[in-house]
Amino acid sequence: MQRNRLKQLLEQLEEVLAELKVEVYSDVDKYRDEDGYYVGEDDDDGYPD
């Protein structure tokens, strides 16, 4: 493939990935409990939960 075409594809892929992240992270109720704290197993912020 041509380098310019690869760059275009990469830019499009990054745009799609950004849109996916917005969709996933915009639903706050899916990863916060009723007190507003993050609910997840990979919480490594150094503070006890």
PDB file of N, CA and C in Angstrom:
ATOM      1  N   MET A   1       0.836  -1.190   0.000  1.00  0.00           N
ATOM      2  CA  MET A   1       0.000   0.000   0.000  1.00  0.00           C
ATOM      3  C   MET A   1       0.875   1.246   0.000  1.00  0.00           C
ATOM      4  N   GLN A   2       0.300   2.292  -0.478  1.00  0.00           N
ATOM      5  CA  GLN A   2       1.011   3.560  -0.494  1.00  0.00           C
ATOM      6  C   GLN A   2       0.982   4.195   0.891  1.00  0.00           C
ATOM      7  N   ARG A   3       2.044   4.866   1.215  1.00  0.00           N
ATOM      8  CA  ARG A   3       2.168   5.485   2.547  1.00  0.00           C
ATOM      9  C   ARG A   3       1.028   6.479   2.808  1.00  0.00           C
ATOM     10  N   ASN A   4       0.660   7.269   1.813  1.00  0.00           N
ATOM     11  CA  ASN A   4      -0.425   8.243   2.003  1.00  0.00           C
ATOM     12  C   ASN A   4      -1.744   7.550   2.321  1.00  0.00           C
ATOM     13  N   ARG A   5      -2.014   6.449   1.645  1.00  0.00           N
ATOM     14  CA  ARG A   5      -3.258   5.710   1.909  1.00  0.00           C
ATOM     15  C   ARG A   5      -3.242   5.131   3.314  1.00  0.00           C
ATOM     16  N   LEU A   6      -2.096   4.633   3.761  1.00  0.00           N
ATOM     17  CA  LEU A   6      -1.981   4.109   5.122  1.00  0.00           C
ATOM     18  C   LEU A   6      -2.228   5.203   6.154  1.00  0.00           C
ATOM     19  N   LYS A   7      -1.723   6.381   5.895  1.00  0.00           N
ATOM     20  CA  LYS A   7      -1.944   7.506   6.807  1.00  0.00           C
ATOM     21  C   LYS A   7      -3.419   7.859   6.882  1.00  0.00           C
ATOM     22  N   GLN A   8      -4.093   7.849   5.738  1.00  0.00           N
ATOM     23  CA  GLN A   8      -5.528   8.133   5.714  1.00  0.00           C
ATOM     24  C   GLN A   8      -6.302   7.087   6.508  1.00  0.00           C
ATOM     25  N   LEU A   9      -5.961   5.829   6.305  1.00  0.00           N
ATOM     26  CA  LEU A   9      -6.642   4.755   7.031  1.00  0.00           C
ATOM     27  C   LEU A   9      -6.408   4.870   8.527  1.00  0.00           C
ATOM     28  N   LEU A  10      -5.204   5.213   8.919  1.00  0.00           N
ATOM     29  CA  LEU A  10      -4.891   5.367  10.337  1.00  0.00           C
ATOM     30  C   LEU A  10      -5.683   6.522  10.945  1.00  0.00           C
ATOM     31  N   GLU A  11      -5.784   7.619  10.244  1.00  0.00           N
ATOM     32  CA  GLU A  11      -6.564   8.752  10.735  1.00  0.00           C
ATOM     33  C   GLU A  11      -8.037   8.374  10.896  1.00  0.00           C
ATOM     34  N   GLN A  12      -8.573   7.646   9.931  1.00  0.00           N
ATOM     35  CA  GLN A  12      -9.969   7.209  10.023  1.00  0.00           C
ATOM     36  C   GLN A  12     -10.166   6.257  11.190  1.00  0.00           C
ATOM     37  N   LEU A  13      -9.225   5.365  11.386  1.00  0.00           N
ATOM     38  CA  LEU A  13      -9.308   4.422  12.492  1.00  0.00           C
ATOM     39  C   LEU A  13      -9.265   5.147  13.828  1.00  0.00           C
ATOM     40  N   GLU A  14      -8.420   6.149  13.945  1.00  0.00           N
ATOM     41  CA  GLU A  14      -8.341   6.927  15.183  1.00  0.00           C
ATOM     42  C   GLU A  14      -9.637   7.680  15.444  1.00  0.00           C
ATOM     43  N   GLU A  15     -10.279   8.187  14.393  1.00  0.00           N
ATOM     44  CA  GLU A  15     -11.560   8.877  14.549  1.00  0.00           C
ATOM     45  C   GLU A  15     -12.642   7.914  15.039  1.00  0.00           C
ATOM     46  N   VAL A  16     -12.674   6.738  14.460  1.00  0.00           N
ATOM     47  CA  VAL A  16     -13.662   5.735  14.871  1.00  0.00           C
ATOM     48  C   VAL A  16     -13.408   5.320  16.317  1.00  0.00           C
ATOM     49  N   LEU A  17     -12.155   5.125  16.680  1.00  0.00           N
ATOM     50  CA  LEU A  17     -11.813   4.751  18.045  1.00  0.00           C
ATOM     51  C   LEU A  17     -12.241   5.839  19.026  1.00  0.00           C
ATOM     52  N   ALA A  18     -12.045   7.087  18.681  1.00  0.00           N
ATOM     53  CA  ALA A  18     -12.467   8.186  19.543  1.00  0.00           C
ATOM     54  C   ALA A  18     -13.982   8.183  19.726  1.00  0.00           C
ATOM     55  N   GLU A  19     -14.717   7.920  18.658  1.00  0.00           N
ATOM     56  CA  GLU A  19     -16.173   7.853  18.751  1.00  0.00           C
ATOM     57  C   GLU A  19     -16.615   6.690  19.637  1.00  0.00           C
ATOM     58  N   LEU A  20     -15.950   5.555  19.518  1.00  0.00           N
ATOM     59  CA  LEU A  20     -16.270   4.412  20.360  1.00  0.00           C
ATOM     60  C   LEU A  20     -16.022   4.720  21.827  1.00  0.00           C
ATOM     61  N   LYS A  21     -14.919   5.385  22.121  1.00  0.00           N
ATOM     62  CA  LYS A  21     -14.614   5.749  23.505  1.00  0.00           C
ATOM     63  C   LYS A  21     -15.687   6.664  24.073  1.00  0.00           C
ATOM     64  N   VAL A  22     -16.152   7.604  23.272  1.00  0.00           N
ATOM     65  CA  VAL A  22     -17.204   8.503  23.730  1.00  0.00           C
ATOM     66  C   VAL A  22     -18.458   7.707  24.068  1.00  0.00           C
ATOM     67  N   GLU A  23     -18.820   6.773  23.219  1.00  0.00           N
ATOM     68  CA  GLU A  23     -20.020   5.977  23.459  1.00  0.00           C
ATOM     69  C   GLU A  23     -19.882   5.118  24.713  1.00  0.00           C
ATOM     70  N   VAL A  24     -18.729   4.535  24.916  1.00  0.00           N
ATOM     71  CA  VAL A  24     -18.526   3.654  26.075  1.00  0.00           C
ATOM     72  C   VAL A  24     -18.496   4.457  27.364  1.00  0.00           C
ATOM     73  N   TYR A  25     -17.717   5.525  27.384  1.00  0.00           N
ATOM     74  CA  TYR A  25     -17.518   6.270  28.621  1.00  0.00           C
ATOM     75  C   TYR A  25     -18.599   7.295  28.903  1.00  0.00           C
ATOM     76  N   SER A  26     -19.500   7.534  27.979  1.00  0.00           N
ATOM     77  CA  SER A  26     -20.554   8.514  28.215  1.00  0.00           C
ATOM     78  C   SER A  26     -21.660   7.966  29.105  1.00  0.00           C
ATOM     79  N   ASP A  27     -21.750   6.665  29.245  1.00  0.00           N
ATOM     80  CA  ASP A  27     -22.768   6.058  30.099  1.00  0.00           C
ATOM     81  C   ASP A  27     -22.190   5.892  31.498  1.00  0.00           C
ATOM     82  N   VAL A  28     -22.240   6.957  32.276  1.00  0.00           N
ATOM     83  CA  VAL A  28     -21.612   6.988  33.592  1.00  0.00           C
ATOM     84  C   VAL A  28     -22.219   5.952  34.529  1.00  0.00           C
ATOM     85  N   ASP A  29     -23.486   5.668  34.384  1.00  0.00           N
ATOM     86  CA  ASP A  29     -24.148   4.716  35.278  1.00  0.00           C
ATOM     87  C   ASP A  29     -23.563   3.322  35.190  1.00  0.00           C
ATOM     88  N   LYS A  30     -22.882   3.012  34.113  1.00  0.00           N
ATOM     89  CA  LYS A  30     -22.319   1.676  33.943  1.00  0.00           C
ATOM     90  C   LYS A  30     -21.051   1.460  34.763  1.00  0.00           C
ATOM     91  N   TYR A  31     -20.355   2.535  35.136  1.00  0.00           N
ATOM     92  CA  TYR A  31     -19.109   2.350  35.864  1.00  0.00           C
ATOM     93  C   TYR A  31     -19.009   3.187  37.139  1.00  0.00           C
ATOM     94  N   ARG A  32     -20.112   3.754  37.599  1.00  0.00           N
ATOM     95  CA  ARG A  32     -20.153   4.466  38.884  1.00  0.00           C
ATOM     96  C   ARG A  32     -21.278   3.886  39.741  1.00  0.00           C
ATOM     97  N   ASP A  33     -21.038   3.805  41.056  1.00  0.00           N
ATOM     98  CA  ASP A  33     -22.094   3.339  41.940  1.00  0.00           C
ATOM     99  C   ASP A  33     -22.980   4.513  42.343  1.00  0.00           C
ATOM    100  N   GLU A  34     -23.952   4.269  43.231  1.00  0.00           N
ATOM    101  CA  GLU A  34     -24.905   5.313  43.598  1.00  0.00           C
ATOM    102  C   GLU A  34     -24.258   6.478  44.344  1.00  0.00           C
ATOM    103  N   ASP A  35     -23.077   6.264  44.928  1.00  0.00           N
ATOM    104  CA  ASP A  35     -22.369   7.335  45.621  1.00  0.00           C
ATOM    105  C   ASP A  35     -21.417   8.103  44.703  1.00  0.00           C
ATOM    106  N   GLY A  36     -21.325   7.689  43.449  1.00  0.00           N
ATOM    107  CA  GLY A  36     -20.473   8.366  42.494  1.00  0.00           C
ATOM    108  C   GLY A  36     -19.068   7.821  42.401  1.00  0.00           C
ATOM    109  N   TYR A  37     -18.819   6.697  43.064  1.00  0.00           N
ATOM    110  CA  TYR A  37     -17.484   6.112  43.036  1.00  0.00           C
ATOM    111  C   TYR A  37     -17.341   5.136  41.877  1.00  0.00           C
ATOM    112  N   TYR A  38     -16.132   5.051  41.370  1.00  0.00           N
ATOM    113  CA  TYR A  38     -15.820   4.140  40.264  1.00  0.00           C
ATOM    114  C   TYR A  38     -16.006   2.698  40.713  1.00  0.00           C
ATOM    115  N   VAL A  39     -16.673   1.902  39.905  1.00  0.00           N
ATOM    116  CA  VAL A  39     -16.870   0.489  40.175  1.00  0.00           C
ATOM    117  C   VAL A  39     -16.083  -0.293  39.147  1.00  0.00           C
ATOM    118  N   GLY A  40     -15.063  -0.986  39.600  1.00  0.00           N
ATOM    119  CA  GLY A  40     -14.254  -1.763  38.686  1.00  0.00           C
ATOM    120  C   GLY A  40     -13.168  -2.509  39.435  1.00  0.00           C
ATOM    121  N   GLU A  41     -12.615  -3.507  38.787  1.00  0.00           N
ATOM    122  CA  GLU A  41     -11.592  -4.321  39.421  1.00  0.00           C
ATOM    123  C   GLU A  41     -10.197  -3.769  39.198  1.00  0.00           C
ATOM    124  N   ASP A  42     -10.024  -2.873  38.247  1.00  0.00           N
ATOM    125  CA  ASP A  42      -8.697  -2.369  37.936  1.00  0.00           C
ATOM    126  C   ASP A  42      -8.449  -0.985  38.525  1.00  0.00           C
ATOM    127  N   ASP A  43      -9.085  -0.694  39.653  1.00  0.00           N
ATOM    128  CA  ASP A  43      -8.922   0.591  40.315  1.00  0.00           C
ATOM    129  C   ASP A  43      -7.596   0.593  41.082  1.00  0.00           C
ATOM    130  N   ASP A  44      -6.624   1.307  40.558  1.00  0.00           N
ATOM    131  CA  ASP A  44      -5.297   1.347  41.174  1.00  0.00           C
ATOM    132  C   ASP A  44      -4.888   2.789  41.399  1.00  0.00           C
ATOM    133  N   ASP A  45      -5.748   3.544  42.102  1.00  0.00           N
ATOM    134  CA  ASP A  45      -5.437   4.942  42.332  1.00  0.00           C
ATOM    135  C   ASP A  45      -4.661   5.171  43.620  1.00  0.00           C
ATOM    136  N   GLY A  46      -4.416   4.110  44.396  1.00  0.00           N
ATOM    137  CA  GLY A  46      -3.648   4.233  45.625  1.00  0.00           C
ATOM    138  C   GLY A  46      -4.478   4.502  46.852  1.00  0.00           C
ATOM    139  N   TYR A  47      -5.771   4.743  46.662  1.00  0.00           N
ATOM    140  CA  TYR A  47      -6.647   5.015  47.798  1.00  0.00           C
ATOM    141  C   TYR A  47      -7.532   3.805  48.087  1.00  0.00           C
ATOM    142  N   PRO A  48      -7.770   3.494  49.354  1.00  0.00           N
ATOM    143  CA  PRO A  48      -8.682   2.383  49.652  1.00  0.00           C
ATOM    144  C   PRO A  48     -10.113   2.764  49.253  1.00  0.00           C
ATOM    145  N   ASP A  49     -10.824   1.792  48.739  1.00  0.00           N
ATOM    146  CA  ASP A  49     -12.192   2.039  48.297  1.00  0.00           C
ATOM    147  C   ASP A  49     -13.188   1.653  49.346  1.00  0.00           C
TER     148      ASP A  49
END
